Amino acid sequence: MVLLARDIMDPKVLTVDGTMSVRECAEYLSGQHKGYAIVHGPHAEVIGIVTEWDFLSKVMAVGGDPTTVRVSDIATPILRSCTPETPTEDLVETMATEGIRRMVVRSGPQVVGIITSRDVLVMFRQYVDKLSSQIAGYHSDPTPLG
């Protein structure tokens, strides 16, 4: 059985309006216990993703004012995404080699989910637990020879 992106993605994707201030966005994300949001433009088009790293590196570290900087000004364009049918093996390889912590899942232009590095770790843990259980099922007590 091959796991696909749709099997591990979170279909509840946070979105924010690009005109929102960084401060408003940070407060919203904090309340949702998330470290990212998909940013949309004036016509509901996806213009990028904003993460806690964007807040830190593009606003706070350079002395920016989070009340006046707009989320659209610091959003990172989504350069890599996958489809719901992408095998997890392929998306994990892409995430690992390209240093992507959040993989956006798209069906055409529409964002339908997101996979975080935490989701990958949970998937891996479940796989290891299942494999360990199967191996334990093969264990038998040795019988003395003779």
N, C-alpha and C. Protein backbone atom coordinates (compact mmCIF):
# COMPACT_ATOMS: atom_id res chain seq x y z
N MET A 1 0.84 -1.18 0.00
CA MET A 1 0.00 0.00 0.00
C MET A 1 0.89 1.25 0.00
N VAL A 2 0.65 2.12 -0.94
CA VAL A 2 1.41 3.36 -1.05
C VAL A 2 0.58 4.47 -0.43
N LEU A 3 1.20 5.19 0.50
CA LEU A 3 0.53 6.36 1.07
C LEU A 3 0.69 7.53 0.11
N LEU A 4 -0.38 8.29 -0.02
CA LEU A 4 -0.37 9.46 -0.89
C LEU A 4 -0.49 10.72 -0.05
N ALA A 5 -0.19 11.84 -0.65
CA ALA A 5 -0.28 13.13 0.05
C ALA A 5 -1.65 13.31 0.69
N ARG A 6 -2.70 12.93 0.01
CA ARG A 6 -4.05 13.11 0.56
C ARG A 6 -4.27 12.32 1.85
N ASP A 7 -3.49 11.24 2.03
CA ASP A 7 -3.63 10.40 3.21
C ASP A 7 -3.07 11.06 4.47
N ILE A 8 -2.13 11.98 4.33
CA ILE A 8 -1.51 12.59 5.51
C ILE A 8 -1.69 14.10 5.58
N MET A 9 -2.25 14.71 4.54
CA MET A 9 -2.39 16.17 4.54
C MET A 9 -3.47 16.63 5.51
N ASP A 10 -3.32 17.85 5.98
CA ASP A 10 -4.36 18.49 6.78
C ASP A 10 -5.18 19.34 5.82
N PRO A 11 -6.46 18.99 5.64
CA PRO A 11 -7.28 19.76 4.70
C PRO A 11 -7.73 21.12 5.26
N LYS A 12 -7.49 21.35 6.54
CA LYS A 12 -7.88 22.62 7.15
C LYS A 12 -6.69 23.58 7.05
N VAL A 13 -6.67 24.36 5.99
CA VAL A 13 -5.56 25.26 5.71
C VAL A 13 -5.96 26.67 6.15
N LEU A 14 -5.10 27.25 6.98
CA LEU A 14 -5.35 28.63 7.40
C LEU A 14 -5.02 29.57 6.26
N THR A 15 -5.88 30.54 6.05
CA THR A 15 -5.62 31.55 5.03
C THR A 15 -5.78 32.93 5.65
N VAL A 16 -5.02 33.87 5.12
CA VAL A 16 -5.13 35.25 5.56
C VAL A 16 -5.12 36.16 4.34
N ASP A 17 -5.72 37.31 4.51
CA ASP A 17 -5.73 38.33 3.46
C ASP A 17 -4.36 39.02 3.46
N GLY A 18 -3.81 39.23 2.29
CA GLY A 18 -2.50 39.84 2.16
C GLY A 18 -2.41 41.25 2.70
N THR A 19 -3.55 41.93 2.85
CA THR A 19 -3.52 43.30 3.37
C THR A 19 -3.43 43.34 4.89
N MET A 20 -3.55 42.20 5.52
CA MET A 20 -3.47 42.13 6.98
C MET A 20 -2.06 42.53 7.43
N SER A 21 -1.96 43.20 8.57
CA SER A 21 -0.64 43.54 9.09
C SER A 21 0.01 42.28 9.66
N VAL A 22 1.33 42.33 9.74
CA VAL A 22 2.08 41.21 10.31
C VAL A 22 1.63 40.98 11.75
N ARG A 23 1.40 42.03 12.48
CA ARG A 23 0.95 41.89 13.88
C ARG A 23 -0.40 41.19 13.96
N GLU A 24 -1.35 41.63 13.14
CA GLU A 24 -2.68 40.99 13.13
C GLU A 24 -2.56 39.51 12.75
N CYS A 25 -1.73 39.24 11.78
CA CYS A 25 -1.54 37.85 11.33
C CYS A 25 -0.91 37.01 12.44
N ALA A 26 0.09 37.56 13.10
CA ALA A 26 0.76 36.82 14.19
C ALA A 26 -0.23 36.52 15.31
N GLU A 27 -1.07 37.48 15.64
CA GLU A 27 -2.08 37.25 16.68
C GLU A 27 -3.06 36.15 16.25
N TYR A 28 -3.47 36.19 15.00
CA TYR A 28 -4.39 35.18 14.48
C TYR A 28 -3.75 33.79 14.52
N LEU A 29 -2.51 33.69 14.02
CA LEU A 29 -1.83 32.39 14.00
C LEU A 29 -1.61 31.88 15.41
N SER A 30 -1.27 32.77 16.32
CA SER A 30 -1.06 32.37 17.72
C SER A 30 -2.35 31.79 18.30
N GLY A 31 -3.46 32.43 18.02
CA GLY A 31 -4.75 31.94 18.50
C GLY A 31 -5.14 30.59 17.92
N GLN A 32 -4.65 30.32 16.71
CA GLN A 32 -4.95 29.05 16.04
C GLN A 32 -3.89 27.98 16.33
N HIS A 33 -2.84 28.35 17.05
CA HIS A 33 -1.72 27.45 17.36
C HIS A 33 -1.07 26.91 16.09
N LYS A 34 -0.88 27.81 15.11
CA LYS A 34 -0.24 27.44 13.84
C LYS A 34 0.92 28.38 13.59
N GLY A 35 1.88 27.93 12.80
CA GLY A 35 3.04 28.73 12.49
C GLY A 35 3.10 29.17 11.04
N TYR A 36 1.97 29.08 10.34
CA TYR A 36 1.93 29.45 8.93
C TYR A 36 0.51 29.84 8.53
N ALA A 37 0.40 30.48 7.38
CA ALA A 37 -0.90 30.71 6.74
C ALA A 37 -0.66 30.90 5.25
N ILE A 38 -1.61 30.47 4.47
CA ILE A 38 -1.60 30.75 3.03
C ILE A 38 -2.12 32.17 2.87
N VAL A 39 -1.44 32.96 2.06
CA VAL A 39 -1.80 34.37 1.85
C VAL A 39 -2.51 34.50 0.52
N HIS A 40 -3.67 35.17 0.56
CA HIS A 40 -4.39 35.39 -0.69
C HIS A 40 -4.49 36.88 -0.99
N GLY A 41 -4.59 37.15 -2.28
CA GLY A 41 -4.66 38.52 -2.76
C GLY A 41 -6.09 39.02 -2.84
N PRO A 42 -6.28 40.17 -3.47
CA PRO A 42 -7.59 40.81 -3.51
C PRO A 42 -8.67 40.02 -4.26
N HIS A 43 -8.26 39.12 -5.13
CA HIS A 43 -9.23 38.32 -5.89
C HIS A 43 -9.23 36.87 -5.43
N ALA A 44 -8.85 36.66 -4.18
CA ALA A 44 -8.80 35.33 -3.54
C ALA A 44 -7.75 34.42 -4.16
N GLU A 45 -6.85 34.96 -4.99
CA GLU A 45 -5.77 34.15 -5.56
C GLU A 45 -4.68 33.94 -4.52
N VAL A 46 -4.06 32.78 -4.57
CA VAL A 46 -2.98 32.47 -3.65
C VAL A 46 -1.73 33.21 -4.10
N ILE A 47 -1.15 33.99 -3.18
CA ILE A 47 0.07 34.72 -3.54
C ILE A 47 1.29 34.20 -2.79
N GLY A 48 1.09 33.34 -1.81
CA GLY A 48 2.24 32.79 -1.11
C GLY A 48 1.87 32.18 0.22
N ILE A 49 2.91 31.95 1.01
CA ILE A 49 2.75 31.41 2.35
C ILE A 49 3.57 32.28 3.28
N VAL A 50 3.06 32.51 4.47
CA VAL A 50 3.79 33.28 5.47
C VAL A 50 3.98 32.38 6.68
N THR A 51 5.18 32.43 7.24
CA THR A 51 5.51 31.57 8.38
C THR A 51 6.11 32.41 9.49
N GLU A 52 6.25 31.77 10.64
CA GLU A 52 6.87 32.46 11.76
C GLU A 52 8.29 32.89 11.41
N TRP A 53 8.97 32.14 10.56
CA TRP A 53 10.31 32.52 10.13
C TRP A 53 10.28 33.83 9.33
N ASP A 54 9.26 34.00 8.50
CA ASP A 54 9.12 35.26 7.75
C ASP A 54 8.96 36.44 8.71
N PHE A 55 8.15 36.26 9.75
CA PHE A 55 7.98 37.33 10.74
C PHE A 55 9.32 37.69 11.37
N LEU A 56 10.05 36.66 11.74
CA LEU A 56 11.32 36.86 12.44
C LEU A 56 12.39 37.48 11.53
N SER A 57 12.60 36.87 10.37
CA SER A 57 13.71 37.28 9.51
C SER A 57 13.42 38.51 8.66
N LYS A 58 12.17 38.72 8.28
CA LYS A 58 11.85 39.81 7.36
C LYS A 58 11.24 41.03 8.04
N VAL A 59 10.90 40.91 9.32
CA VAL A 59 10.33 42.05 10.03
C VAL A 59 11.13 42.35 11.28
N MET A 60 11.10 41.44 12.24
CA MET A 60 11.71 41.70 13.54
C MET A 60 13.23 41.88 13.46
N ALA A 61 13.91 41.02 12.74
CA ALA A 61 15.38 41.08 12.68
C ALA A 61 15.90 42.32 11.98
N VAL A 62 15.07 42.93 11.13
CA VAL A 62 15.50 44.13 10.40
C VAL A 62 14.87 45.40 10.95
N GLY A 63 14.23 45.29 12.11
CA GLY A 63 13.66 46.47 12.75
C GLY A 63 12.38 46.97 12.11
N GLY A 64 11.66 46.09 11.41
CA GLY A 64 10.39 46.48 10.79
C GLY A 64 9.30 46.65 11.82
N ASP A 65 8.29 47.38 11.44
CA ASP A 65 7.14 47.63 12.32
C ASP A 65 6.03 46.64 11.97
N PRO A 66 5.77 45.67 12.83
CA PRO A 66 4.76 44.65 12.51
C PRO A 66 3.34 45.21 12.39
N THR A 67 3.13 46.43 12.84
CA THR A 67 1.78 47.01 12.70
C THR A 67 1.58 47.67 11.34
N THR A 68 2.67 47.95 10.63
CA THR A 68 2.53 48.61 9.33
C THR A 68 2.94 47.73 8.15
N VAL A 69 3.79 46.73 8.41
CA VAL A 69 4.20 45.82 7.33
C VAL A 69 3.04 44.89 7.02
N ARG A 70 2.73 44.75 5.74
CA ARG A 70 1.63 43.88 5.30
C ARG A 70 2.16 42.46 5.05
N VAL A 71 1.31 41.51 5.31
CA VAL A 71 1.66 40.10 5.12
C VAL A 71 2.06 39.84 3.68
N SER A 72 1.41 40.48 2.72
CA SER A 72 1.76 40.27 1.31
C SER A 72 3.18 40.72 1.01
N ASP A 73 3.72 41.65 1.80
CA ASP A 73 5.08 42.14 1.58
C ASP A 73 6.14 41.14 2.01
N ILE A 74 5.80 40.22 2.88
CA ILE A 74 6.80 39.27 3.38
C ILE A 74 6.48 37.82 3.01
N ALA A 75 5.35 37.57 2.37
CA ALA A 75 4.97 36.20 2.02
C ALA A 75 5.98 35.61 1.04
N THR A 76 6.26 34.36 1.21
CA THR A 76 7.15 33.63 0.32
C THR A 76 6.30 32.98 -0.76
N PRO A 77 6.64 33.21 -2.02
CA PRO A 77 5.87 32.54 -3.08
C PRO A 77 5.96 31.02 -2.92
N ILE A 78 4.90 30.34 -3.25
CA ILE A 78 4.90 28.88 -3.16
C ILE A 78 5.56 28.34 -4.42
N LEU A 79 6.81 27.97 -4.27
CA LEU A 79 7.58 27.51 -5.42
C LEU A 79 7.39 26.02 -5.67
N ARG A 80 7.14 25.28 -4.60
CA ARG A 80 6.97 23.84 -4.72
C ARG A 80 5.67 23.44 -4.05
N SER A 81 4.94 22.59 -4.71
CA SER A 81 3.72 22.03 -4.14
C SER A 81 3.58 20.63 -4.72
N CYS A 82 2.58 19.92 -4.24
CA CYS A 82 2.32 18.59 -4.76
C CYS A 82 0.82 18.45 -4.97
N THR A 83 0.44 17.36 -5.58
CA THR A 83 -0.98 17.06 -5.77
C THR A 83 -1.41 16.06 -4.69
N PRO A 84 -2.71 15.90 -4.50
CA PRO A 84 -3.16 14.90 -3.52
C PRO A 84 -2.70 13.48 -3.86
N GLU A 85 -2.40 13.22 -5.13
CA GLU A 85 -2.00 11.88 -5.56
C GLU A 85 -0.49 11.65 -5.49
N THR A 86 0.27 12.63 -5.06
CA THR A 86 1.73 12.47 -4.96
C THR A 86 2.06 11.43 -3.89
N PRO A 87 2.86 10.43 -4.23
CA PRO A 87 3.27 9.45 -3.21
C PRO A 87 4.07 10.16 -2.11
N THR A 88 3.84 9.75 -0.87
CA THR A 88 4.53 10.39 0.25
C THR A 88 6.04 10.24 0.13
N GLU A 89 6.48 9.16 -0.45
CA GLU A 89 7.92 8.96 -0.64
C GLU A 89 8.52 10.12 -1.46
N ASP A 90 7.81 10.53 -2.51
CA ASP A 90 8.29 11.61 -3.36
C ASP A 90 8.25 12.96 -2.64
N LEU A 91 7.15 13.22 -1.93
CA LEU A 91 7.05 14.53 -1.29
C LEU A 91 8.01 14.65 -0.12
N VAL A 92 8.25 13.56 0.61
CA VAL A 92 9.22 13.59 1.70
C VAL A 92 10.62 13.82 1.14
N GLU A 93 10.95 13.19 0.03
CA GLU A 93 12.25 13.41 -0.62
C GLU A 93 12.42 14.88 -0.99
N THR A 94 11.39 15.47 -1.57
CA THR A 94 11.44 16.89 -1.94
C THR A 94 11.59 17.77 -0.72
N MET A 95 10.80 17.50 0.31
CA MET A 95 10.88 18.30 1.54
C MET A 95 12.28 18.22 2.14
N ALA A 96 12.84 17.02 2.17
CA ALA A 96 14.16 16.83 2.79
C ALA A 96 15.26 17.48 1.97
N THR A 97 15.27 17.28 0.68
CA THR A 97 16.37 17.80 -0.14
C THR A 97 16.29 19.30 -0.33
N GLU A 98 15.09 19.86 -0.30
CA GLU A 98 14.94 21.30 -0.53
C GLU A 98 14.70 22.09 0.76
N GLY A 99 14.69 21.41 1.90
CA GLY A 99 14.52 22.10 3.17
C GLY A 99 13.15 22.73 3.34
N ILE A 100 12.13 22.06 2.86
CA ILE A 100 10.76 22.57 2.94
C ILE A 100 10.10 22.01 4.19
N ARG A 101 9.62 22.88 5.07
CA ARG A 101 8.96 22.42 6.29
C ARG A 101 7.45 22.25 6.12
N ARG A 102 6.91 22.88 5.10
CA ARG A 102 5.48 22.78 4.84
C ARG A 102 5.27 22.62 3.34
N MET A 103 4.65 21.52 2.95
CA MET A 103 4.37 21.26 1.54
C MET A 103 2.89 21.55 1.28
N VAL A 104 2.65 22.47 0.37
CA VAL A 104 1.28 22.84 0.00
C VAL A 104 0.76 21.79 -0.98
N VAL A 105 -0.47 21.35 -0.76
CA VAL A 105 -1.10 20.36 -1.62
C VAL A 105 -2.14 21.10 -2.46
N ARG A 106 -2.02 20.98 -3.78
CA ARG A 106 -2.93 21.68 -4.70
C ARG A 106 -3.65 20.71 -5.62
N SER A 107 -4.86 21.08 -5.93
CA SER A 107 -5.61 20.42 -6.99
C SER A 107 -5.86 21.52 -8.00
N GLY A 108 -5.08 21.53 -9.07
CA GLY A 108 -5.09 22.67 -9.99
C GLY A 108 -4.55 23.87 -9.23
N PRO A 109 -5.18 25.03 -9.38
CA PRO A 109 -4.69 26.21 -8.66
C PRO A 109 -5.17 26.28 -7.21
N GLN A 110 -6.12 25.43 -6.84
CA GLN A 110 -6.71 25.49 -5.51
C GLN A 110 -5.86 24.74 -4.48
N VAL A 111 -5.63 25.38 -3.34
CA VAL A 111 -4.94 24.74 -2.22
C VAL A 111 -5.97 23.88 -1.49
N VAL A 112 -5.67 22.57 -1.38
CA VAL A 112 -6.62 21.64 -0.76
C VAL A 112 -6.09 21.05 0.54
N GLY A 113 -4.82 21.35 0.86
CA GLY A 113 -4.26 20.82 2.09
C GLY A 113 -2.84 21.27 2.27
N ILE A 114 -2.29 20.88 3.39
CA ILE A 114 -0.89 21.17 3.70
C ILE A 114 -0.31 20.01 4.48
N ILE A 115 0.95 19.73 4.23
CA ILE A 115 1.67 18.69 4.95
C ILE A 115 2.86 19.36 5.62
N THR A 116 2.94 19.19 6.93
CA THR A 116 4.04 19.79 7.68
C THR A 116 5.08 18.73 8.00
N SER A 117 6.25 19.18 8.39
CA SER A 117 7.28 18.22 8.79
C SER A 117 6.80 17.39 9.97
N ARG A 118 5.97 17.96 10.81
CA ARG A 118 5.39 17.21 11.93
C ARG A 118 4.50 16.08 11.42
N ASP A 119 3.72 16.34 10.38
CA ASP A 119 2.87 15.30 9.79
C ASP A 119 3.73 14.14 9.29
N VAL A 120 4.86 14.46 8.69
CA VAL A 120 5.77 13.43 8.18
C VAL A 120 6.33 12.61 9.34
N LEU A 121 6.70 13.27 10.42
CA LEU A 121 7.23 12.55 11.58
C LEU A 121 6.18 11.62 12.19
N VAL A 122 4.94 12.09 12.27
CA VAL A 122 3.85 11.24 12.79
C VAL A 122 3.66 10.03 11.89
N MET A 123 3.67 10.26 10.57
CA MET A 123 3.51 9.16 9.62
C MET A 123 4.64 8.15 9.80
N PHE A 124 5.86 8.64 9.94
CA PHE A 124 7.01 7.77 10.11
C PHE A 124 6.90 6.97 11.41
N ARG A 125 6.48 7.64 12.46
CA ARG A 125 6.33 6.96 13.76
C ARG A 125 5.30 5.83 13.67
N GLN A 126 4.17 6.10 13.01
CA GLN A 126 3.14 5.07 12.85
C GLN A 126 3.68 3.90 12.03
N TYR A 127 4.46 4.20 11.01
CA TYR A 127 5.05 3.16 10.18
C TYR A 127 6.00 2.29 11.00
N VAL A 128 6.86 2.93 11.78
CA VAL A 128 7.82 2.19 12.61
C VAL A 128 7.08 1.34 13.65
N ASP A 129 6.05 1.90 14.27
CA ASP A 129 5.27 1.14 15.24
C ASP A 129 4.62 -0.09 14.60
N LYS A 130 4.07 0.10 13.41
CA LYS A 130 3.42 -1.01 12.72
C LYS A 130 4.45 -2.07 12.34
N LEU A 131 5.58 -1.65 11.84
CA LEU A 131 6.64 -2.57 11.47
C LEU A 131 7.16 -3.33 12.69
N SER A 132 7.35 -2.63 13.80
CA SER A 132 7.82 -3.27 15.03
C SER A 132 6.82 -4.31 15.51
N SER A 133 5.55 -3.99 15.41
CA SER A 133 4.50 -4.92 15.81
C SER A 133 4.52 -6.18 14.94
N GLN A 134 4.71 -5.98 13.63
CA GLN A 134 4.76 -7.12 12.73
C GLN A 134 5.98 -8.00 13.02
N ILE A 135 7.11 -7.38 13.29
CA ILE A 135 8.33 -8.14 13.61
C ILE A 135 8.12 -8.91 14.91
N ALA A 136 7.52 -8.28 15.90
CA ALA A 136 7.27 -8.96 17.18
C ALA A 136 6.36 -10.16 16.98
N GLY A 137 5.46 -10.11 16.01
CA GLY A 137 4.57 -11.23 15.72
C GLY A 137 5.30 -12.45 15.18
N TYR A 138 6.46 -12.23 14.60
CA TYR A 138 7.25 -13.34 14.07
C TYR A 138 8.16 -13.96 15.12
N HIS A 139 8.28 -13.33 16.24
CA HIS A 139 9.16 -13.82 17.30
C HIS A 139 8.58 -15.09 17.90
N SER A 140 9.42 -16.07 18.09
CA SER A 140 8.96 -17.30 18.77
C SER A 140 10.02 -17.70 19.77
N ASP A 141 9.59 -18.41 20.79
CA ASP A 141 10.52 -18.89 21.79
C ASP A 141 11.41 -19.97 21.19
N PRO A 142 12.69 -19.87 21.44
CA PRO A 142 13.58 -20.93 20.88
C PRO A 142 13.32 -22.24 21.63
N THR A 143 13.29 -23.30 20.91
CA THR A 143 13.15 -24.61 21.54
C THR A 143 14.52 -25.26 21.64
N PRO A 144 14.76 -25.90 22.76
CA PRO A 144 16.10 -26.51 22.93
C PRO A 144 16.30 -27.65 21.91
N LEU A 145 17.50 -27.73 21.42
CA LEU A 145 17.83 -28.79 20.47
C LEU A 145 18.08 -30.10 21.24
N GLY A 146 17.66 -31.17 20.71
CA GLY A 146 18.02 -32.45 21.28
C GLY A 146 16.93 -33.15 21.86
